[in-house]
Amino acid sequence: MTPRARAVIVTVQNASESTGVPARKELERWARRALAADVRGELTVRVVGEGESAELNERYRGKKGATNVLSFRAEAPPAADGELLPFGDLVICADVVEREAREQGKAPAAHWAHMVVHGALHLQGYDHENVREASIMEAREREVLAELGFPDPYSII
């Protein structure tokens, strides 16, 4: 079992009108589980609707339409002793996550947890731009999700 982040503040913002958003405590727990012990700082998980997701996706990735999760790593200066600076933000589109869960036949909570873990791993430098990187990231996702009691998200598809 990997040591977990101890010096992280996780804040959840729900700007979505969806009624299917998991409880704040669950979103926080899933995010913390995905973070390595050496991670320090403030992590914001923002749940949004399709409009905000699409706007951010186009502005920062040059892609049209809403997406399931966006990760924004903070570029903060070095922290003074004991100071917690921003670590990053996750922006999760409730409508997309709920639609994907239905289409893929996944339990909604399992897919929400996957998106939180996926986004948190991106903040730590994991990526899936090529087969090697994807293999490493997916293995870590499987490990964290299993620790949380969720099935392999890639065997369900």
Foldseek 3Di string as FASTA:
>chain_A
DADWADAEAEAEAEAAPDPPDDDPVLLVVLLRLLHHNPDHAYEYEYEYAWVVQQVCCCVPVVDGTHDAKDKAADDDDDDDVPDHHHGIYMYGYPVRLVVVCVVLVHDSSLSSSLRSSLRSVVSVPQDPPDPVSVVVSLVSSQVSSVVVVHHRPVVSD
